[in-house]
């Protein structure tokens, strides 16, 4: 009979590949956090820069309006000038239809299209 050694697994601790995998995962996590922080800082800086830029434009516009006087309140309007009295209207010559002028409708309010002004 031959003597066989028993199969014994010797565990000397974590392997090199498991350590390397753990370090890579930690490095990637740190890189992700750093990128997120940098992105947030970039957004804050851009927001502040846009605020400063727009405020500067507002101040320039206000200064320009103040220099030209456009921002001053308008002066009160002068009263309207008196108009000439209308010329007296000359009466139209009377027509043959009960002393009515040509353009006036008949008293009954019934105006015909053919020019007949007789009431019905």
N, C-alpha and C. Protein backbone atom coordinates (compact mmCIF):
# COMPACT_ATOMS: atom_id res chain seq x y z
N UNK A 1 0.80 -1.15 0.00
CA UNK A 1 0.00 0.00 0.00
C UNK A 1 0.86 1.24 0.00
N UNK A 2 0.39 2.20 -0.83
CA UNK A 2 1.19 3.42 -0.89
C UNK A 2 0.60 4.46 0.06
N UNK A 3 1.48 5.21 0.49
CA UNK A 3 1.07 6.25 1.42
C UNK A 3 0.73 7.51 0.63
N UNK A 4 -0.48 8.00 0.77
CA UNK A 4 -0.89 9.23 0.10
C UNK A 4 -1.01 10.35 1.12
N UNK A 5 -0.52 11.49 0.72
CA UNK A 5 -0.65 12.63 1.62
C UNK A 5 -2.08 13.15 1.54
N UNK A 6 -2.58 13.53 2.64
CA UNK A 6 -3.94 14.10 2.61
C UNK A 6 -3.93 15.46 1.90
N UNK A 7 -5.00 15.76 1.21
CA UNK A 7 -5.12 17.03 0.52
C UNK A 7 -5.44 18.11 1.55
N UNK A 8 -4.50 18.93 1.80
CA UNK A 8 -4.67 20.02 2.75
C UNK A 8 -4.45 21.32 2.00
N UNK A 9 -5.36 22.22 2.13
CA UNK A 9 -5.21 23.52 1.49
C UNK A 9 -4.56 24.44 2.50
N UNK A 10 -3.47 25.01 2.07
CA UNK A 10 -2.78 25.95 2.94
C UNK A 10 -3.23 27.36 2.55
N UNK A 11 -3.72 28.12 3.49
CA UNK A 11 -4.19 29.48 3.24
C UNK A 11 -3.19 30.43 3.88
N UNK A 12 -2.49 31.13 3.02
CA UNK A 12 -1.48 32.05 3.52
C UNK A 12 -1.99 33.48 3.60
N UNK A 13 -3.29 33.74 3.55
CA UNK A 13 -3.86 35.08 3.61
C UNK A 13 -4.41 35.47 2.24
N UNK A 14 -4.73 36.74 2.08
CA UNK A 14 -5.30 37.17 0.80
C UNK A 14 -4.28 37.08 -0.31
N UNK A 15 -4.75 36.79 -1.47
CA UNK A 15 -3.85 36.67 -2.60
C UNK A 15 -3.54 38.06 -3.18
N UNK A 16 -2.53 38.09 -4.02
CA UNK A 16 -2.11 39.35 -4.63
C UNK A 16 -3.23 39.92 -5.52
N UNK A 17 -3.93 39.08 -6.22
CA UNK A 17 -4.99 39.56 -7.12
C UNK A 17 -6.17 40.13 -6.33
N UNK A 18 -6.51 39.56 -5.18
CA UNK A 18 -7.62 40.10 -4.39
C UNK A 18 -7.25 41.47 -3.80
N UNK A 19 -5.98 41.61 -3.40
CA UNK A 19 -5.53 42.92 -2.88
C UNK A 19 -5.57 43.97 -4.01
N UNK A 20 -5.09 43.59 -5.17
CA UNK A 20 -5.08 44.51 -6.30
C UNK A 20 -6.51 44.89 -6.71
N UNK A 21 -7.43 43.97 -6.69
CA UNK A 21 -8.83 44.26 -7.03
C UNK A 21 -9.44 45.22 -6.02
N UNK A 22 -9.17 45.00 -4.74
CA UNK A 22 -9.70 45.88 -3.70
C UNK A 22 -9.14 47.29 -3.83
N UNK A 23 -7.85 47.41 -4.10
CA UNK A 23 -7.24 48.73 -4.28
C UNK A 23 -7.81 49.45 -5.51
N UNK A 24 -8.04 48.73 -6.57
CA UNK A 24 -8.61 49.33 -7.78
C UNK A 24 -10.03 49.82 -7.51
N UNK A 25 -10.82 49.06 -6.76
CA UNK A 25 -12.18 49.48 -6.44
C UNK A 25 -12.18 50.73 -5.57
N UNK A 26 -11.29 50.79 -4.59
CA UNK A 26 -11.19 51.98 -3.72
C UNK A 26 -10.75 53.20 -4.53
N UNK A 27 -9.79 52.99 -5.44
CA UNK A 27 -9.30 54.10 -6.27
C UNK A 27 -10.41 54.62 -7.19
N UNK A 28 -11.18 53.72 -7.78
CA UNK A 28 -12.28 54.15 -8.64
C UNK A 28 -13.36 54.89 -7.86
N UNK A 29 -13.66 54.42 -6.66
CA UNK A 29 -14.63 55.10 -5.82
C UNK A 29 -14.15 56.51 -5.46
N UNK A 30 -12.89 56.63 -5.09
CA UNK A 30 -12.31 57.94 -4.76
C UNK A 30 -12.31 58.87 -5.96
N UNK A 31 -11.98 58.32 -7.14
CA UNK A 31 -12.00 59.13 -8.35
C UNK A 31 -13.42 59.61 -8.67
N UNK A 32 -14.39 58.76 -8.49
CA UNK A 32 -15.79 59.17 -8.73
C UNK A 32 -16.23 60.27 -7.79
N UNK A 33 -15.87 60.15 -6.52
CA UNK A 33 -16.22 61.20 -5.55
C UNK A 33 -15.51 62.50 -5.90
N UNK A 34 -14.24 62.43 -6.26
CA UNK A 34 -13.49 63.63 -6.62
C UNK A 34 -14.09 64.31 -7.86
N UNK A 35 -14.48 63.52 -8.85
CA UNK A 35 -15.10 64.10 -10.04
C UNK A 35 -16.45 64.75 -9.72
N UNK A 36 -17.23 64.14 -8.85
CA UNK A 36 -18.51 64.72 -8.46
C UNK A 36 -18.31 66.05 -7.74
N UNK A 37 -17.33 66.11 -6.84
CA UNK A 37 -17.04 67.34 -6.12
C UNK A 37 -16.56 68.43 -7.09
N UNK A 38 -15.68 68.06 -8.02
CA UNK A 38 -15.20 69.05 -8.98
C UNK A 38 -16.33 69.54 -9.88
N UNK A 39 -17.22 68.67 -10.27
CA UNK A 39 -18.35 69.07 -11.10
C UNK A 39 -19.26 70.05 -10.35
N UNK A 40 -19.52 69.78 -9.08
CA UNK A 40 -20.34 70.69 -8.28
C UNK A 40 -19.66 72.05 -8.13
N UNK A 41 -18.36 72.04 -7.90
CA UNK A 41 -17.64 73.31 -7.78
C UNK A 41 -17.68 74.08 -9.09
N UNK A 42 -17.56 73.37 -10.21
CA UNK A 42 -17.62 74.03 -11.52
C UNK A 42 -19.00 74.66 -11.74
N UNK A 43 -20.06 73.96 -11.36
CA UNK A 43 -21.40 74.51 -11.50
C UNK A 43 -21.55 75.76 -10.64
N UNK A 44 -21.06 75.74 -9.42
CA UNK A 44 -21.15 76.91 -8.54
C UNK A 44 -20.37 78.09 -9.09
N UNK A 45 -19.17 77.84 -9.60
CA UNK A 45 -18.35 78.92 -10.16
C UNK A 45 -19.02 79.50 -11.40
N UNK A 46 -19.56 78.65 -12.25
CA UNK A 46 -20.22 79.13 -13.46
C UNK A 46 -21.46 79.95 -13.11
N UNK A 47 -22.22 79.52 -12.12
CA UNK A 47 -23.40 80.27 -11.70
C UNK A 47 -23.02 81.63 -11.17
N UNK A 48 -21.98 81.68 -10.36
CA UNK A 48 -21.54 82.96 -9.81
C UNK A 48 -21.03 83.87 -10.93
N UNK A 49 -20.30 83.31 -11.90
CA UNK A 49 -19.78 84.12 -13.00
C UNK A 49 -20.93 84.69 -13.84
N UNK A 50 -21.94 83.88 -14.10
CA UNK A 50 -23.09 84.38 -14.87
C UNK A 50 -23.85 85.46 -14.10
N UNK A 51 -23.95 85.31 -12.79
CA UNK A 51 -24.62 86.32 -11.97
C UNK A 51 -23.86 87.64 -12.02
N UNK A 52 -22.54 87.56 -11.88
CA UNK A 52 -21.72 88.77 -11.94
C UNK A 52 -21.83 89.41 -13.32
N UNK A 53 -21.79 88.61 -14.37
CA UNK A 53 -21.86 89.13 -15.73
C UNK A 53 -23.19 89.84 -15.97
N UNK A 54 -24.30 89.21 -15.56
CA UNK A 54 -25.60 89.83 -15.80
C UNK A 54 -25.78 91.08 -14.95
N UNK A 55 -25.26 91.08 -13.73
CA UNK A 55 -25.36 92.28 -12.88
C UNK A 55 -24.53 93.42 -13.48
N UNK A 56 -23.38 93.09 -14.04
CA UNK A 56 -22.55 94.11 -14.67
C UNK A 56 -23.26 94.72 -15.87
N UNK A 57 -23.94 93.90 -16.65
CA UNK A 57 -24.69 94.43 -17.80
C UNK A 57 -25.83 95.31 -17.34
N UNK A 58 -26.53 94.91 -16.26
CA UNK A 58 -27.60 95.74 -15.72
C UNK A 58 -27.08 97.09 -15.28
N UNK A 59 -25.93 97.10 -14.59
CA UNK A 59 -25.35 98.36 -14.14
C UNK A 59 -24.94 99.24 -15.31
N UNK A 60 -24.37 98.64 -16.35
CA UNK A 60 -24.01 99.41 -17.54
C UNK A 60 -25.24 100.02 -18.18
N UNK A 61 -26.31 99.25 -18.28
CA UNK A 61 -27.54 99.76 -18.88
C UNK A 61 -28.13 100.89 -18.04
N UNK A 62 -28.15 100.72 -16.72
CA UNK A 62 -28.67 101.77 -15.85
C UNK A 62 -27.82 103.03 -15.96
N UNK A 63 -26.50 102.87 -16.03
CA UNK A 63 -25.62 104.02 -16.18
C UNK A 63 -25.86 104.72 -17.50
N UNK A 64 -26.01 103.95 -18.56
CA UNK A 64 -26.27 104.54 -19.88
C UNK A 64 -27.59 105.28 -19.89
N UNK A 65 -28.62 104.69 -19.29
CA UNK A 65 -29.92 105.36 -19.24
C UNK A 65 -29.86 106.62 -18.39
N UNK A 66 -29.10 106.59 -17.30
CA UNK A 66 -28.98 107.78 -16.46
C UNK A 66 -28.23 108.89 -17.18
N UNK A 67 -27.22 108.53 -17.99
CA UNK A 67 -26.46 109.54 -18.72
C UNK A 67 -27.29 110.17 -19.82
N UNK A 68 -28.14 109.40 -20.49
CA UNK A 68 -28.94 109.94 -21.59
C UNK A 68 -30.20 110.62 -21.08
N UNK A 69 -30.56 110.42 -19.84
CA UNK A 69 -31.74 111.05 -19.29
C UNK A 69 -33.02 110.31 -19.60
N UNK A 70 -32.92 109.14 -20.14
CA UNK A 70 -34.11 108.38 -20.50
C UNK A 70 -34.82 107.83 -19.28
N UNK A 71 -34.10 107.71 -18.17
CA UNK A 71 -34.71 107.15 -16.96
C UNK A 71 -35.47 108.21 -16.17
N UNK A 72 -35.33 109.49 -16.53
CA UNK A 72 -36.03 110.56 -15.82
C UNK A 72 -37.52 110.47 -16.10
N UNK A 73 -38.34 110.85 -15.13
CA UNK A 73 -39.78 110.80 -15.39
C UNK A 73 -40.15 111.82 -16.46
N UNK A 74 -41.12 111.52 -17.27
CA UNK A 74 -41.49 112.44 -18.35
C UNK A 74 -42.11 113.71 -17.79
N UNK A 75 -41.89 114.82 -18.48
CA UNK A 75 -42.46 116.09 -18.06
C UNK A 75 -43.97 116.06 -18.27
N UNK A 76 -44.71 116.80 -17.45
CA UNK A 76 -46.16 116.79 -17.64
C UNK A 76 -46.52 117.38 -19.00
N UNK A 77 -47.53 116.83 -19.60
CA UNK A 77 -47.94 117.24 -20.94
C UNK A 77 -48.53 118.65 -20.89
N UNK A 78 -48.21 119.44 -21.88
CA UNK A 78 -48.76 120.79 -21.96
C UNK A 78 -50.23 120.71 -22.34
N UNK A 79 -51.01 121.66 -21.88
CA UNK A 79 -52.43 121.63 -22.26
C UNK A 79 -52.56 121.80 -23.77
N UNK A 80 -53.56 121.21 -24.37
CA UNK A 80 -53.70 121.30 -25.82
C UNK A 80 -53.96 122.75 -26.24
N UNK A 81 -53.40 123.09 -27.37
CA UNK A 81 -53.58 124.44 -27.90
C UNK A 81 -55.03 124.63 -28.32
N UNK A 82 -55.57 125.84 -28.11
CA UNK A 82 -56.96 126.06 -28.51
C UNK A 82 -57.09 125.95 -30.02
N UNK A 83 -58.12 125.29 -30.43
CA UNK A 83 -58.34 125.12 -31.86
C UNK A 83 -59.25 126.23 -32.36
N UNK A 84 -59.19 126.47 -33.64
CA UNK A 84 -60.04 127.49 -34.24
C UNK A 84 -61.48 127.00 -34.23
N UNK A 85 -62.42 127.90 -34.02
CA UNK A 85 -63.82 127.45 -34.03
C UNK A 85 -64.19 126.96 -35.42
N UNK A 86 -65.03 125.94 -35.48
CA UNK A 86 -65.41 125.41 -36.80
C UNK A 86 -66.18 126.45 -37.60
N UNK A 87 -65.98 126.37 -38.88
CA UNK A 87 -66.69 127.29 -39.76
C UNK A 87 -68.18 126.96 -39.74
N UNK A 88 -69.02 127.99 -39.82
CA UNK A 88 -70.46 127.70 -39.79
C UNK A 88 -70.85 126.89 -41.02
N UNK A 89 -71.65 125.90 -40.77
CA UNK A 89 -72.08 125.02 -41.86
C UNK A 89 -73.15 125.72 -42.68
N UNK A 90 -73.00 125.63 -43.97
CA UNK A 90 -74.01 126.22 -44.84
C UNK A 90 -75.08 125.17 -45.09
N UNK A 91 -76.34 125.53 -44.94
CA UNK A 91 -77.39 124.53 -45.14
C UNK A 91 -77.49 124.15 -46.60
N UNK A 92 -77.80 122.91 -46.82
CA UNK A 92 -77.97 122.41 -48.19
C UNK A 92 -79.29 122.93 -48.73
N UNK A 93 -79.36 123.09 -50.00
CA UNK A 93 -80.63 123.56 -50.57
C UNK A 93 -81.71 122.51 -50.36
N UNK A 94 -82.89 122.94 -50.08
CA UNK A 94 -83.97 121.97 -49.84
C UNK A 94 -84.31 121.19 -51.11
N UNK A 95 -84.68 119.96 -50.89
CA UNK A 95 -85.05 119.12 -52.02
C UNK A 95 -86.57 119.11 -52.15
N UNK A 96 -87.04 118.38 -53.10
CA UNK A 96 -88.47 118.32 -53.34
C UNK A 96 -89.19 117.41 -52.34
N UNK A 97 -88.47 116.63 -51.48
CA UNK A 97 -89.07 115.68 -50.55
C UNK A 97 -89.25 116.33 -49.19
N UNK A 98 -90.23 117.09 -48.95
CA UNK A 98 -90.57 117.65 -47.65
C UNK A 98 -89.41 118.40 -47.01
N UNK A 99 -88.68 119.14 -47.76
CA UNK A 99 -87.55 119.95 -47.28
C UNK A 99 -86.45 119.11 -46.61
N UNK A 100 -86.28 117.89 -47.01
CA UNK A 100 -85.16 117.08 -46.49
C UNK A 100 -84.01 117.16 -47.46
N UNK A 101 -82.79 117.03 -46.94
CA UNK A 101 -81.62 117.05 -47.82
C UNK A 101 -81.45 115.69 -48.45
N UNK A 102 -80.58 115.61 -49.42
CA UNK A 102 -80.43 114.37 -50.18
C UNK A 102 -79.88 113.21 -49.34
N UNK A 103 -79.03 113.49 -48.35
CA UNK A 103 -78.38 112.41 -47.62
C UNK A 103 -79.13 111.93 -46.40
N UNK A 104 -80.20 112.57 -46.00
CA UNK A 104 -80.87 112.18 -44.76
C UNK A 104 -81.91 111.11 -45.04
N UNK A 105 -82.06 110.13 -44.15
CA UNK A 105 -83.06 109.08 -44.33
C UNK A 105 -84.44 109.63 -44.01
N UNK A 106 -85.47 108.95 -44.44
CA UNK A 106 -86.84 109.39 -44.14
C UNK A 106 -87.12 109.29 -42.64
N UNK A 107 -88.10 110.02 -42.14
CA UNK A 107 -88.37 110.03 -40.71
C UNK A 107 -88.79 108.68 -40.15
N UNK A 108 -89.34 107.80 -40.92
CA UNK A 108 -89.75 106.50 -40.42
C UNK A 108 -88.58 105.54 -40.25
N UNK A 109 -87.40 105.92 -40.67
CA UNK A 109 -86.24 105.06 -40.55
C UNK A 109 -86.17 104.02 -41.63
N UNK A 110 -87.00 104.13 -42.66
CA UNK A 110 -87.03 103.13 -43.72
C UNK A 110 -86.38 103.72 -44.95
N UNK A 111 -85.09 103.44 -45.10
CA UNK A 111 -84.37 103.98 -46.25
C UNK A 111 -84.37 102.93 -47.34
N UNK A 112 -84.73 103.32 -48.53
CA UNK A 112 -84.73 102.38 -49.63
C UNK A 112 -83.47 102.55 -50.46
N UNK A 113 -83.16 101.54 -51.25
CA UNK A 113 -81.94 101.57 -52.03
C UNK A 113 -82.09 102.34 -53.34
N UNK A 114 -83.31 102.49 -53.82
CA UNK A 114 -83.48 103.11 -55.13
C UNK A 114 -83.63 104.62 -55.05
N UNK A 115 -83.52 105.20 -53.89
CA UNK A 115 -83.61 106.64 -53.75
C UNK A 115 -85.02 107.12 -53.50
N UNK A 116 -85.99 106.24 -53.45
CA UNK A 116 -87.37 106.63 -53.14
C UNK A 116 -87.48 106.88 -51.66
N UNK A 117 -87.80 108.08 -51.26
CA UNK A 117 -87.84 108.44 -49.85
C UNK A 117 -89.26 108.52 -49.31
N UNK A 118 -90.22 107.99 -50.01
CA UNK A 118 -91.60 108.06 -49.53
C UNK A 118 -91.82 107.00 -48.48
N UNK A 119 -92.49 107.31 -47.38
CA UNK A 119 -92.77 106.30 -46.34
C UNK A 119 -93.81 105.31 -46.82
N UNK A 120 -93.77 104.12 -46.33
CA UNK A 120 -94.69 103.07 -46.75
C UNK A 120 -95.67 102.75 -45.69
